[in-house]
Amino acid sequence: TPPSDSVAPARKPLSAFQRYATSMARRPWTHMSVAFLVAVVLSFCGFRFGEFAVAIDNAGWWARGTELGNRDTQRIIVDMHRDRLFEDASMLNGVLFYDATGEAWEELMTVVQPNWQVESQTLTEDEASAKEEVDDATLAKVCSGGWYGSMDMVRQRQDNLVSMWKTDDAESDDAETSMLDADAMYDLCMAEQTTLAALNRDDSCYKCPVAGGEVGGDGPQKCIEPYSLVLLARLHLTGHDMSQLSTLSEDVTCESLRDSWNPAVRSQFTKELKTCVAWSVRMSTDGATNAITVKNTTIFVSNPCPFPLGFFPTMVDEAFPSSTEDEPIVRYSSSYYATKKGRGDIKGMFEASEGGSYDRSDGDPVSGAYDTTDQGLYNMYSDAIVGRDMGLAVGSAGVTVIAMMMHTKSPFLTLMGLFQIILSFPLAYFVYYFIGGLVFFPFLNFIGIFVVFALGADDVFVAVDKWKNARHEIPHGTTEQVAALALPDAAYAMLLTSTTTAVAFFGTAICPVGPIVCFAVFCGLLIAFDYMMNIFLVFPALCIYDRWLMEGSR
């Protein structure tokens, strides 16, 4: 008569899952091979036909539904379709109108543009090649001073280097330091000179002749001064004279600018800034024109801004025009540099910025940060940290493998646990793309790797421990009997933890921010597929491993 503990499980009617576990124990290689083959095929289809691509720049932030996000969405879509909007021009009452039929604008207003978040980050071949070239027209515009205050200075695809400045107490409610202080102007001026020297050295800027030379000639060439408060201050001190633009920094050095910046000069300069900002605010208001009508008489007012170049309100912060003080302070400002926009040039500027070649001042009284108008430096920084983040993911995988190896004491079970975790990623993407219909895959989704490695290892530990407990309970039972006892118990325990975690992630999908929705859905799918792969891969592996042990083989 066999021991009572070896036949005890057979006395109870087996449930459906126990019968499945028994079937799996009888033919573990078949179950595991079929599951592995199906998982590999679906994974291949997901990556091959699902157009897998990681969006490093999380463009989906525009989906958050805020006023800022909505406005920037409109700006980006208009910029993407600028060729259509500006190709059909006609004259009406002496005024040039683009998109005269209104068809392009109507289409943009009524038809949702598919995948605009991804397409807005991609250059066409013509645009990419144009960015590599330094054309004579652009060089002539830069050297003549026409670049200052133009759309070429701030346009996104121009990729001009720009530095953003703030005073040391800019974030304080009772800030006292102003960018218009003499010391702040001096620090800003010196920082610009240091950065210009680096741009000159690296040949990253548009260079113009010094003192009457020819544009593109063999004479001395140098970068033009950046568009900033310092440039406007120098023009103010020289009577707004643009004729000596190439020698302006020599005529008004940083030291002489500071020495000349007395209260009277500052007060007059502040008034000019207020005039320019007020005009910019007026002209940016819906329906605003330079026409003023009094009774039946209409007069056209010219721009009262005294600076002999286009004025951009980014020279001051948003609180400046609404301030009621006679001399409002400026907490934030910007400096625009006329730089080249080729890939090599942007890479060189990124390396120079990371290497400290661009002066950020010392934070007393101002400090700065650098990027380009198309976020070129930010994008390169994001690309640079991807490798480091992937290194962390690999390190997480290594720690998980070591932990599984120590717990299971079996390379075979560790390997199958690793396959369980790895295959859950492409399987989740298959459902994410083909069933969920989500084509945007932000880099944020990769954080799910850490989640699935942790939860996957935990599932392996649960399955192994349940099997060990069942084998201890019926030490002389067959593999089928142990499977019928251990696997349903393990599957139920893992189902509870997996369900609660997956539901928590899926619940986060109510967030209106695009990348967070994608992250929540993808992580929920990762957890679900990790659970399924544990059943279809690790459970058969446990049956195989148990047979090896019973036969005296490892």
Protein backbone atom coordinates (compact mmCIF):
# COMPACT_ATOMS: atom_id res chain seq x y z
CA THR A 1 0.00 0.00 0.00
CA PRO A 2 1.51 3.33 -1.00
CA PRO A 3 1.97 6.07 1.60
CA SER A 4 -1.21 7.98 2.37
CA ASP A 5 0.33 11.35 1.49
CA SER A 6 1.08 10.24 -2.06
CA VAL A 7 -2.59 9.53 -2.90
CA ALA A 8 -4.30 12.18 -0.79
CA PRO A 9 -4.76 14.72 -3.59
CA ALA A 10 -6.48 12.10 -5.80
CA ARG A 11 -9.29 11.63 -3.26
CA LYS A 12 -10.70 15.07 -4.11
CA PRO A 13 -12.36 15.83 -7.45
CA LEU A 14 -10.00 17.90 -9.53
CA SER A 15 -11.01 21.37 -10.64
CA ALA A 16 -10.64 22.53 -14.24
CA PHE A 17 -7.37 24.30 -13.48
CA GLN A 18 -6.06 21.24 -11.60
CA ARG A 19 -6.85 19.07 -14.61
CA TYR A 20 -5.01 21.60 -16.82
CA ALA A 21 -2.05 21.55 -14.42
CA THR A 22 -2.03 17.74 -14.58
CA SER A 23 -2.09 17.83 -18.37
CA MET A 24 0.78 20.34 -18.34
CA ALA A 25 2.78 18.07 -16.03
CA ARG A 26 2.29 15.12 -18.38
CA ARG A 27 3.49 17.03 -21.47
CA PRO A 28 5.50 20.00 -20.15
CA TRP A 29 7.79 20.32 -23.17
CA THR A 30 4.81 20.54 -25.52
CA HIS A 31 3.07 23.22 -23.46
CA MET A 32 6.23 25.26 -23.04
CA SER A 33 7.30 24.97 -26.70
CA VAL A 34 3.89 26.00 -28.05
CA ALA A 35 3.68 28.98 -25.65
CA PHE A 36 7.23 30.06 -26.49
CA LEU A 37 6.61 29.80 -30.24
CA VAL A 38 3.36 31.79 -30.10
CA ALA A 39 4.99 34.46 -27.95
CA VAL A 40 7.95 34.82 -30.33
CA VAL A 41 5.70 35.05 -33.41
CA LEU A 42 3.45 37.70 -31.84
CA SER A 43 6.52 39.60 -30.61
CA PHE A 44 8.00 39.59 -34.10
CA CYS A 45 4.74 40.81 -35.62
CA GLY A 46 4.45 43.55 -33.03
CA PHE A 47 7.92 44.96 -33.67
CA ARG A 48 7.99 44.28 -37.42
CA PHE A 49 4.53 45.46 -38.41
CA GLY A 50 3.75 47.68 -35.46
CA GLU A 51 6.25 50.35 -36.52
CA PHE A 52 7.94 50.29 -33.13
CA ALA A 53 9.72 53.59 -32.50
CA VAL A 54 10.50 55.31 -29.23
CA ALA A 55 9.57 58.98 -29.03
CA ILE A 56 12.38 60.42 -26.91
CA ASP A 57 10.72 63.85 -27.04
CA ASN A 58 7.44 63.26 -25.25
CA ALA A 59 5.40 65.30 -27.69
CA GLY A 60 2.13 64.11 -26.18
CA TRP A 61 2.30 66.70 -23.39
CA TRP A 62 0.17 68.91 -25.62
CA ALA A 63 -2.75 66.56 -24.94
CA ARG A 64 -3.06 67.73 -21.33
CA GLY A 65 -5.86 70.15 -22.33
CA THR A 66 -4.42 73.30 -20.75
CA GLU A 67 -4.61 76.68 -22.47
CA LEU A 68 -0.84 76.68 -22.95
CA GLY A 69 -0.91 73.18 -24.43
CA ASN A 70 -3.76 74.04 -26.79
CA ARG A 71 -2.08 77.22 -28.01
CA ASP A 72 1.20 75.45 -28.63
CA THR A 73 -0.66 72.71 -30.48
CA GLN A 74 -2.05 75.34 -32.86
CA ARG A 75 1.37 76.93 -33.32
CA ILE A 76 3.04 73.62 -34.15
CA ILE A 77 0.35 72.51 -36.61
CA VAL A 78 0.49 75.89 -38.39
CA ASP A 79 4.29 75.59 -38.58
CA MET A 80 4.01 72.08 -40.02
CA HIS A 81 1.66 73.31 -42.78
CA ARG A 82 3.30 76.69 -43.39
CA ASP A 83 4.03 75.85 -47.05
CA ARG A 84 0.33 75.26 -47.76
CA LEU A 85 -0.76 78.32 -45.82
CA PHE A 86 1.66 80.64 -47.60
CA GLU A 87 1.74 79.25 -51.14
CA ASP A 88 -1.46 80.89 -52.48
CA ALA A 89 -0.86 84.64 -52.28
CA SER A 90 -2.92 87.50 -53.75
CA MET A 91 -3.15 91.28 -53.44
CA LEU A 92 -6.23 92.96 -51.97
CA ASN A 93 -6.37 96.74 -51.60
CA GLY A 94 -2.61 96.88 -51.75
CA VAL A 95 -2.18 94.27 -49.00
CA LEU A 96 -0.65 90.84 -49.64
CA PHE A 97 -2.86 88.01 -48.36
CA TYR A 98 -1.78 84.37 -48.19
CA ASP A 99 -4.10 81.37 -48.54
CA ALA A 100 -6.53 83.71 -50.28
CA THR A 101 -9.15 80.97 -50.81
CA GLY A 102 -8.97 79.93 -47.17
CA GLU A 103 -9.03 76.25 -48.09
CA ALA A 104 -5.82 75.35 -46.24
CA TRP A 105 -6.90 77.12 -43.06
CA GLU A 106 -10.40 75.63 -43.22
CA GLU A 107 -8.95 72.15 -43.56
CA LEU A 108 -6.70 72.64 -40.53
CA MET A 109 -9.60 74.02 -38.49
CA THR A 110 -12.01 71.18 -39.26
CA VAL A 111 -9.92 68.04 -39.81
CA VAL A 112 -7.90 66.37 -37.06
CA GLN A 113 -4.29 66.03 -38.25
CA PRO A 114 -3.16 62.42 -37.61
CA ASN A 115 0.14 61.76 -35.82
CA TRP A 116 1.07 65.43 -35.79
CA GLN A 117 2.97 64.97 -32.50
CA VAL A 118 5.45 62.61 -34.15
CA GLU A 119 5.58 64.33 -37.54
CA SER A 120 6.28 67.71 -35.95
CA GLN A 121 9.59 66.30 -34.67
CA THR A 122 10.68 64.97 -38.08
CA LEU A 123 12.47 66.90 -40.80
CA THR A 124 11.92 66.21 -44.48
CA GLU A 125 15.00 65.41 -46.57
CA ASP A 126 14.91 68.88 -48.14
CA GLU A 127 14.68 70.54 -44.73
CA ALA A 128 17.50 68.42 -43.34
CA SER A 129 19.81 69.23 -46.26
CA ALA A 130 18.89 72.92 -46.10
CA LYS A 131 19.92 73.01 -42.45
CA GLU A 132 23.40 71.82 -43.41
CA GLU A 133 23.99 74.68 -45.85
CA VAL A 134 25.14 78.23 -45.16
CA ASP A 135 23.47 80.18 -47.97
CA ASP A 136 24.57 83.63 -49.07
CA ALA A 137 21.13 85.17 -48.50
CA THR A 138 21.10 84.19 -44.83
CA LEU A 139 24.67 85.36 -44.35
CA ALA A 140 23.91 88.71 -45.99
CA LYS A 141 20.81 89.14 -43.81
CA VAL A 142 22.80 88.40 -40.66
CA CYS A 143 25.67 90.75 -41.54
CA SER A 144 23.36 93.61 -42.57
CA GLY A 145 21.56 93.54 -39.23
CA GLY A 146 18.31 92.37 -40.81
CA TRP A 147 18.50 89.17 -38.79
CA TYR A 148 17.98 91.05 -35.53
CA GLY A 149 14.34 90.91 -34.51
CA SER A 150 13.32 88.88 -37.59
CA MET A 151 11.43 85.61 -37.60
CA ASP A 152 14.66 83.89 -38.70
CA MET A 153 16.01 84.72 -35.27
CA VAL A 154 13.31 82.89 -33.31
CA ARG A 155 11.86 80.42 -35.82
CA GLN A 156 11.94 76.88 -34.49
CA ARG A 157 13.66 75.18 -37.42
CA GLN A 158 16.47 77.77 -37.51
CA ASP A 159 18.00 76.20 -34.38
CA ASN A 160 19.72 79.39 -33.24
CA LEU A 161 21.49 79.17 -29.91
CA VAL A 162 19.58 80.99 -27.19
CA SER A 163 20.44 81.59 -23.55
CA MET A 164 17.79 82.18 -20.91
CA TRP A 165 18.72 84.38 -17.98
CA LYS A 166 17.22 84.99 -14.57
CA THR A 167 18.21 87.08 -11.57
CA ASP A 168 19.31 85.41 -8.35
CA ASP A 169 16.01 86.25 -6.60
CA ALA A 170 13.74 85.89 -9.65
CA GLU A 171 11.50 83.33 -7.94
CA SER A 172 11.03 85.41 -4.82
CA ASP A 173 7.75 87.25 -4.21
CA ASP A 174 9.64 90.39 -3.22
CA ALA A 175 12.46 90.29 -5.77
CA GLU A 176 14.71 93.33 -5.85
CA THR A 177 17.43 92.40 -8.36
CA SER A 178 16.76 93.42 -11.95
CA MET A 179 18.42 92.49 -15.23
CA LEU A 180 18.59 96.26 -15.78
CA ASP A 181 20.93 96.78 -12.82
CA ALA A 182 24.42 97.89 -13.80
CA ASP A 183 26.07 94.81 -12.29
CA ALA A 184 23.56 92.47 -13.93
CA MET A 185 24.08 94.12 -17.34
CA TYR A 186 27.84 93.77 -16.89
CA ASP A 187 27.60 90.06 -15.96
CA LEU A 188 25.28 89.43 -18.90
CA CYS A 189 27.65 91.27 -21.24
CA MET A 190 30.70 89.30 -20.05
CA ALA A 191 28.84 85.99 -20.33
CA GLU A 192 27.85 86.82 -23.92
CA GLN A 193 31.46 87.69 -24.81
CA THR A 194 32.69 84.36 -23.41
CA THR A 195 30.05 82.43 -25.33
CA LEU A 196 30.78 84.37 -28.54
CA ALA A 197 34.46 83.52 -28.19
CA ALA A 198 33.57 79.81 -27.97
CA LEU A 199 31.27 80.07 -31.01
CA ASN A 200 34.04 81.86 -32.94
CA ARG A 201 36.56 79.21 -32.01
CA ASP A 202 34.28 76.33 -33.03
CA ASP A 203 33.06 78.10 -36.20
CA SER A 204 29.47 77.51 -35.04
CA CYS A 205 28.19 80.99 -35.89
CA TYR A 206 27.56 83.13 -38.95
CA LYS A 207 30.67 85.28 -39.23
CA CYS A 208 30.61 88.79 -40.61
CA PRO A 209 33.46 91.09 -41.73
CA VAL A 210 35.05 93.47 -39.27
CA ALA A 211 35.24 97.21 -40.09
CA GLY A 212 34.03 97.40 -43.66
CA GLY A 213 35.24 94.08 -45.02
CA GLU A 214 33.38 92.00 -47.61
CA VAL A 215 30.76 89.46 -46.57
CA GLY A 216 32.32 86.05 -47.14
CA GLY A 217 35.66 87.66 -48.02
CA ASP A 218 39.14 86.84 -46.82
CA GLY A 219 39.34 89.66 -44.28
CA PRO A 220 38.85 89.35 -40.52
CA GLN A 221 35.50 87.78 -39.62
CA LYS A 222 33.70 87.37 -36.32
CA CYS A 223 30.33 86.36 -34.89
CA ILE A 224 27.80 89.15 -34.65
CA GLU A 225 26.62 90.24 -31.22
CA PRO A 226 23.63 88.34 -29.82
CA TYR A 227 20.22 89.95 -29.73
CA SER A 228 19.76 90.80 -26.07
CA LEU A 229 19.30 93.55 -23.52
CA VAL A 230 23.01 94.26 -23.86
CA LEU A 231 22.69 94.93 -27.60
CA LEU A 232 19.69 97.20 -27.03
CA ALA A 233 21.58 99.01 -24.26
CA ARG A 234 24.57 99.57 -26.54
CA LEU A 235 22.31 100.95 -29.25
CA HIS A 236 20.70 103.22 -26.67
CA LEU A 237 24.09 104.58 -25.62
CA THR A 238 25.15 105.20 -29.24
CA GLY A 239 21.97 107.00 -30.22
CA HIS A 240 20.39 103.95 -31.93
CA ASP A 241 23.04 104.01 -34.65
CA MET A 242 23.10 100.79 -36.68
CA SER A 243 25.84 101.94 -39.09
CA GLN A 244 28.66 100.76 -36.84
CA LEU A 245 27.09 97.46 -35.87
CA SER A 246 30.25 95.43 -36.53
CA THR A 247 32.29 97.48 -34.04
CA LEU A 248 29.54 98.10 -31.50
CA SER A 249 31.07 95.79 -28.88
CA GLU A 250 34.41 97.61 -29.19
CA ASP A 251 32.79 101.05 -29.07
CA VAL A 252 30.79 100.12 -25.97
CA THR A 253 32.71 97.52 -23.98
CA CYS A 254 31.25 95.71 -21.02
CA GLU A 255 33.23 97.94 -18.65
CA SER A 256 32.12 101.16 -20.34
CA LEU A 257 28.53 99.91 -20.41
CA ARG A 258 28.60 99.41 -16.65
CA ASP A 259 30.31 102.74 -16.03
CA SER A 260 27.80 104.60 -18.23
CA TRP A 261 24.78 102.90 -16.70
CA ASN A 262 23.76 105.62 -14.25
CA PRO A 263 20.19 106.03 -12.91
CA ALA A 264 19.26 108.56 -15.58
CA VAL A 265 20.42 106.29 -18.42
CA ARG A 266 18.68 103.32 -16.92
CA SER A 267 15.46 105.26 -16.45
CA GLN A 268 15.43 106.42 -20.07
CA PHE A 269 16.23 102.91 -21.32
CA THR A 270 13.42 101.46 -19.20
CA LYS A 271 10.96 103.92 -20.74
CA GLU A 272 12.03 102.80 -24.21
CA LEU A 273 11.54 99.17 -23.24
CA LYS A 274 8.07 99.94 -21.87
CA THR A 275 7.14 101.70 -25.12
CA CYS A 276 8.32 98.75 -27.24
CA VAL A 277 6.62 96.18 -25.02
CA ALA A 278 3.34 98.13 -24.98
CA TRP A 279 3.32 98.30 -28.78
CA SER A 280 4.09 94.58 -29.05
CA VAL A 281 1.23 93.76 -26.67
CA ARG A 282 -1.14 96.00 -28.63
CA MET A 283 -0.24 94.48 -31.99
CA SER A 284 -0.58 90.93 -30.65
CA THR A 285 -4.16 91.54 -29.51
CA ASP A 286 -6.86 90.01 -31.71
CA GLY A 287 -8.05 92.46 -34.35
CA ALA A 288 -5.46 95.10 -33.43
CA THR A 289 -4.02 97.30 -36.20
CA ASN A 290 -1.91 100.41 -36.34
CA ALA A 291 -5.00 102.39 -37.32
CA ILE A 292 -6.65 104.80 -34.85
CA THR A 293 -10.08 106.21 -35.71
CA VAL A 294 -11.38 109.39 -34.08
CA LYS A 295 -14.94 110.17 -35.21
CA ASN A 296 -14.70 109.94 -39.01
CA THR A 297 -10.94 110.35 -39.23
CA THR A 298 -8.55 107.39 -39.38
CA ILE A 299 -4.85 107.80 -38.93
CA PHE A 300 -2.12 105.19 -39.13
CA VAL A 301 0.42 105.20 -36.32
CA SER A 302 3.95 104.02 -36.98
CA ASN A 303 5.76 101.79 -34.54
CA PRO A 304 6.86 104.05 -31.65
CA CYS A 305 9.60 101.65 -30.51
CA PRO A 306 12.84 103.68 -30.85
CA PHE A 307 15.17 100.74 -31.47
CA PRO A 308 16.25 100.48 -35.14
CA LEU A 309 15.52 96.75 -35.30
CA GLY A 310 12.64 94.44 -34.61
CA PHE A 311 11.73 94.14 -30.96
CA PHE A 312 10.84 90.87 -29.25
CA PRO A 313 9.09 90.96 -25.87
CA THR A 314 11.20 88.00 -24.68
CA MET A 315 13.75 90.59 -23.64
CA VAL A 316 11.59 91.06 -20.53
CA ASP A 317 9.36 88.79 -18.45
CA GLU A 318 5.57 88.63 -18.40
CA ALA A 319 5.25 90.82 -15.30
CA PHE A 320 7.06 93.76 -16.91
CA PRO A 321 4.21 95.22 -19.04
CA SER A 322 1.62 94.94 -16.27
CA SER A 323 3.78 96.51 -13.57
CA THR A 324 2.56 99.84 -12.16
CA GLU A 325 6.03 100.92 -11.07
CA ASP A 326 7.83 103.71 -12.92
CA GLU A 327 10.87 101.46 -13.36
CA PRO A 328 9.66 97.85 -13.22
CA ILE A 329 12.31 95.20 -12.67
CA VAL A 330 13.20 92.52 -15.23
CA ARG A 331 13.63 89.08 -13.67
CA TYR A 332 14.04 87.02 -16.84
CA SER A 333 15.55 87.74 -20.24
CA SER A 334 16.99 86.01 -23.32
CA SER A 335 19.96 86.27 -25.68
CA TYR A 336 19.73 85.01 -29.28
CA TYR A 337 22.89 84.06 -31.20
CA ALA A 338 23.10 83.81 -35.00
CA THR A 339 24.40 80.24 -35.17
CA LYS A 340 24.59 77.61 -37.88
CA LYS A 341 22.00 74.86 -37.85
CA GLY A 342 23.67 71.78 -39.34
CA ARG A 343 23.70 68.54 -37.35
CA GLY A 344 27.43 68.81 -36.79
CA ASP A 345 27.06 72.41 -35.61
CA ILE A 346 24.31 71.52 -33.13
CA LYS A 347 26.38 68.61 -31.84
CA GLY A 348 29.39 70.90 -31.43
CA MET A 349 27.30 73.42 -29.50
CA PHE A 350 25.95 70.67 -27.28
CA GLU A 351 29.45 69.43 -26.47
CA ALA A 352 30.62 72.99 -25.83
CA SER A 353 27.66 73.64 -23.54
CA GLU A 354 28.18 70.41 -21.61
CA GLY A 355 31.91 71.16 -21.39
CA GLY A 356 31.30 74.55 -19.81
CA SER A 357 32.49 76.66 -22.75
CA TYR A 358 29.30 78.73 -22.69
CA ASP A 359 29.22 81.15 -19.81
CA ARG A 360 26.24 80.75 -17.49
CA SER A 361 27.47 83.49 -15.14
CA ASP A 362 27.88 82.63 -11.47
CA GLY A 363 24.35 83.22 -10.21
CA ASP A 364 25.22 86.54 -8.61
CA PRO A 365 23.34 88.50 -9.75
CA VAL A 366 22.29 86.48 -12.84
CA SER A 367 22.51 82.89 -14.05
CA GLY A 368 21.65 81.30 -17.38
CA ALA A 369 20.93 78.13 -19.33
CA TYR A 370 21.40 77.31 -23.03
CA ASP A 371 19.38 75.59 -25.74
CA THR A 372 18.45 76.23 -29.35
CA THR A 373 15.17 77.59 -30.69
CA ASP A 374 14.30 74.04 -31.82
CA GLN A 375 15.42 72.46 -28.52
CA GLY A 376 18.44 70.94 -30.24
CA LEU A 377 20.57 70.78 -27.10
CA TYR A 378 17.71 69.36 -25.05
CA ASN A 379 17.12 66.64 -27.64
CA MET A 380 20.80 65.70 -27.66
CA TYR A 381 20.86 65.62 -23.88
CA SER A 382 17.82 63.32 -23.93
CA ASP A 383 19.56 61.05 -26.43
CA ALA A 384 22.70 61.03 -24.27
CA ILE A 385 20.87 59.89 -21.14
CA VAL A 386 19.01 57.12 -22.97
CA GLY A 387 22.15 54.99 -22.86
CA ARG A 388 22.54 55.63 -19.15
CA ASP A 389 18.90 54.75 -18.52
CA MET A 390 19.29 51.56 -20.54
CA GLY A 391 22.31 50.77 -18.43
CA LEU A 392 20.15 51.04 -15.33
CA ALA A 393 17.61 48.71 -16.92
CA VAL A 394 20.35 46.18 -17.69
CA GLY A 395 21.59 46.54 -14.13
CA SER A 396 18.08 45.89 -12.86
CA ALA A 397 17.91 42.78 -15.01
CA GLY A 398 21.26 41.63 -13.65
CA VAL A 399 20.16 42.05 -10.03
CA THR A 400 16.92 40.21 -10.79
CA VAL A 401 18.74 37.31 -12.45
CA ILE A 402 21.10 36.98 -9.48
CA ALA A 403 18.17 37.01 -7.05
CA MET A 404 16.28 34.36 -9.04
CA MET A 405 19.41 32.22 -9.28
CA MET A 406 19.99 32.38 -5.53
CA HIS A 407 16.36 31.54 -4.77
CA THR A 408 15.71 28.78 -7.31
CA LYS A 409 19.26 27.37 -7.30
CA SER A 410 18.58 26.38 -10.91
CA PRO A 411 19.99 28.02 -14.07
CA PHE A 412 17.12 26.46 -16.04
CA LEU A 413 14.37 28.00 -13.90
CA THR A 414 16.24 31.32 -13.84
CA LEU A 415 16.48 31.30 -17.64
CA MET A 416 12.77 30.58 -18.04
CA GLY A 417 11.93 33.30 -15.54
CA LEU A 418 14.03 35.72 -17.57
CA PHE A 419 12.23 34.70 -20.77
CA GLN A 420 8.91 35.22 -19.00
CA ILE A 421 9.87 38.82 -18.18
CA ILE A 422 11.50 39.68 -21.53
CA LEU A 423 8.70 38.29 -23.71
CA SER A 424 6.05 40.22 -21.81
CA PHE A 425 7.45 43.46 -23.29
CA PRO A 426 6.87 42.73 -27.03
CA LEU A 427 3.60 40.95 -26.28
CA ALA A 428 2.35 44.00 -24.42
CA TYR A 429 3.39 46.19 -27.34
CA PHE A 430 1.50 43.91 -29.76
CA VAL A 431 -1.78 44.52 -27.89
CA TYR A 432 -0.86 48.17 -27.21
CA TYR A 433 -0.49 48.89 -30.94
CA PHE A 434 -2.83 46.52 -32.77
CA ILE A 435 -5.69 46.27 -30.29
CA GLY A 436 -5.29 49.45 -28.24
CA GLY A 437 -4.58 51.51 -31.36
CA LEU A 438 -1.85 53.53 -29.59
CA VAL A 439 0.83 54.59 -32.09
CA PHE A 440 2.66 56.98 -29.79
CA PHE A 441 5.29 55.18 -27.68
CA PRO A 442 6.98 57.66 -25.32
CA PHE A 443 10.27 56.89 -23.64
CA LEU A 444 8.38 57.06 -20.36
CA ASN A 445 7.04 53.57 -21.18
CA PHE A 446 10.50 52.12 -20.61
CA ILE A 447 10.09 52.73 -16.89
CA GLY A 448 7.77 49.74 -17.10
CA ILE A 449 10.88 47.57 -17.50
CA PHE A 450 11.72 48.12 -13.85
CA VAL A 451 8.14 47.32 -12.84
CA VAL A 452 7.93 44.09 -14.82
CA PHE A 453 11.35 42.87 -13.69
CA ALA A 454 10.39 43.32 -10.05
CA LEU A 455 6.92 41.81 -10.40
CA GLY A 456 8.15 39.05 -12.72
CA ALA A 457 10.81 37.94 -10.26
CA ASP A 458 8.20 37.96 -7.50
CA ASP A 459 5.94 35.72 -9.59
CA VAL A 460 8.80 33.28 -10.12
CA PHE A 461 9.47 33.21 -6.38
CA VAL A 462 5.80 32.53 -5.63
CA ALA A 463 5.59 29.69 -8.18
CA VAL A 464 8.81 28.06 -6.95
CA ASP A 465 7.85 28.36 -3.28
CA LYS A 466 4.37 26.93 -3.88
CA TRP A 467 5.94 24.01 -5.74
CA LYS A 468 8.45 23.38 -2.93
CA ASN A 469 5.66 23.45 -0.34
CA ALA A 470 3.56 21.00 -2.36
CA ARG A 471 6.50 18.67 -2.85
CA HIS A 472 7.21 18.83 0.87
CA GLU A 473 3.57 17.95 1.58
CA ILE A 474 3.58 14.92 -0.71
CA PRO A 475 7.25 13.92 -0.93
CA HIS A 476 6.52 10.66 -2.74
CA GLY A 477 3.82 12.00 -5.08
CA THR A 478 4.14 12.16 -8.84
CA THR A 479 4.88 15.35 -10.73
CA GLU A 480 1.26 15.42 -11.90
CA GLN A 481 0.01 15.27 -8.31
CA VAL A 482 2.35 18.05 -7.18
CA ALA A 483 1.32 20.19 -10.15
CA ALA A 484 -2.38 19.71 -9.38
CA LEU A 485 -1.74 20.90 -5.82
CA ALA A 486 0.83 23.68 -6.37
CA LEU A 487 0.00 25.37 -9.67
CA PRO A 488 -3.63 26.42 -9.00
CA ASP A 489 -2.61 27.77 -5.60
CA ALA A 490 0.31 29.72 -7.11
CA ALA A 491 -1.77 31.00 -10.03
CA TYR A 492 -4.47 32.30 -7.65
CA ALA A 493 -1.95 34.05 -5.39
CA MET A 494 -0.24 35.71 -8.36
CA LEU A 495 -3.58 36.62 -9.92
CA LEU A 496 -4.51 38.75 -6.90
CA THR A 497 -1.26 40.73 -6.86
CA SER A 498 -1.12 41.07 -10.64
CA THR A 499 -4.75 42.18 -10.91
CA THR A 500 -4.50 44.86 -8.24
CA THR A 501 -1.29 46.25 -9.75
CA ALA A 502 -2.58 46.17 -13.34
CA VAL A 503 -5.89 47.80 -12.35
CA ALA A 504 -3.97 50.58 -10.60
CA PHE A 505 -2.06 51.31 -13.81
CA PHE A 506 -5.10 51.04 -16.06
CA GLY A 507 -6.96 53.41 -13.76
CA THR A 508 -4.25 56.03 -14.35
CA ALA A 509 -5.29 56.09 -18.02
CA ILE A 510 -7.98 58.65 -17.16
CA CYS A 511 -5.21 61.28 -17.04
CA PRO A 512 -5.47 63.67 -20.04
CA VAL A 513 -1.69 63.84 -20.58
CA GLY A 514 -0.76 61.69 -23.58
CA PRO A 515 2.52 60.12 -22.37
CA ILE A 516 1.01 59.22 -18.99
CA VAL A 517 -1.96 57.52 -20.67
CA CYS A 518 0.40 55.49 -22.86
CA PHE A 519 2.59 54.63 -19.87
CA ALA A 520 -0.38 53.51 -17.78
CA VAL A 521 -1.84 51.29 -20.50
CA PHE A 522 1.51 49.78 -21.42
CA CYS A 523 2.47 48.98 -17.81
CA GLY A 524 -0.93 47.39 -17.21
CA LEU A 525 -0.41 45.19 -20.27
CA LEU A 526 3.12 44.33 -19.16
CA ILE A 527 1.84 43.02 -15.83
CA ALA A 528 -0.96 41.04 -17.46
CA PHE A 529 1.36 39.34 -19.95
CA ASP A 530 4.01 38.71 -17.32
CA TYR A 531 1.38 36.78 -15.37
CA MET A 532 0.33 34.76 -18.43
CA MET A 533 3.92 33.98 -19.43
CA ASN A 534 4.60 32.78 -15.89
CA ILE A 535 1.80 30.24 -16.25
CA PHE A 536 2.74 29.15 -19.77
CA LEU A 537 6.54 29.09 -19.36
CA VAL A 538 7.56 28.86 -15.71
CA PHE A 539 4.92 26.32 -14.70
CA PRO A 540 5.98 23.79 -17.40
CA ALA A 541 9.61 24.49 -16.49
CA LEU A 542 8.83 23.57 -12.87
CA CYS A 543 7.30 20.29 -14.03
CA ILE A 544 10.40 19.52 -16.10
CA TYR A 545 12.72 20.48 -13.27
CA ASP A 546 10.78 18.33 -10.81
CA ARG A 547 11.09 15.31 -13.10
CA TRP A 548 14.83 15.88 -13.35
CA LEU A 549 15.07 15.95 -9.58
CA MET A 550 12.96 12.82 -9.21
CA GLU A 551 15.19 11.06 -11.72
CA GLY A 552 18.30 12.21 -9.85
CA SER A 553 19.34 14.66 -12.63
CA ARG A 554 19.75 18.46 -12.60
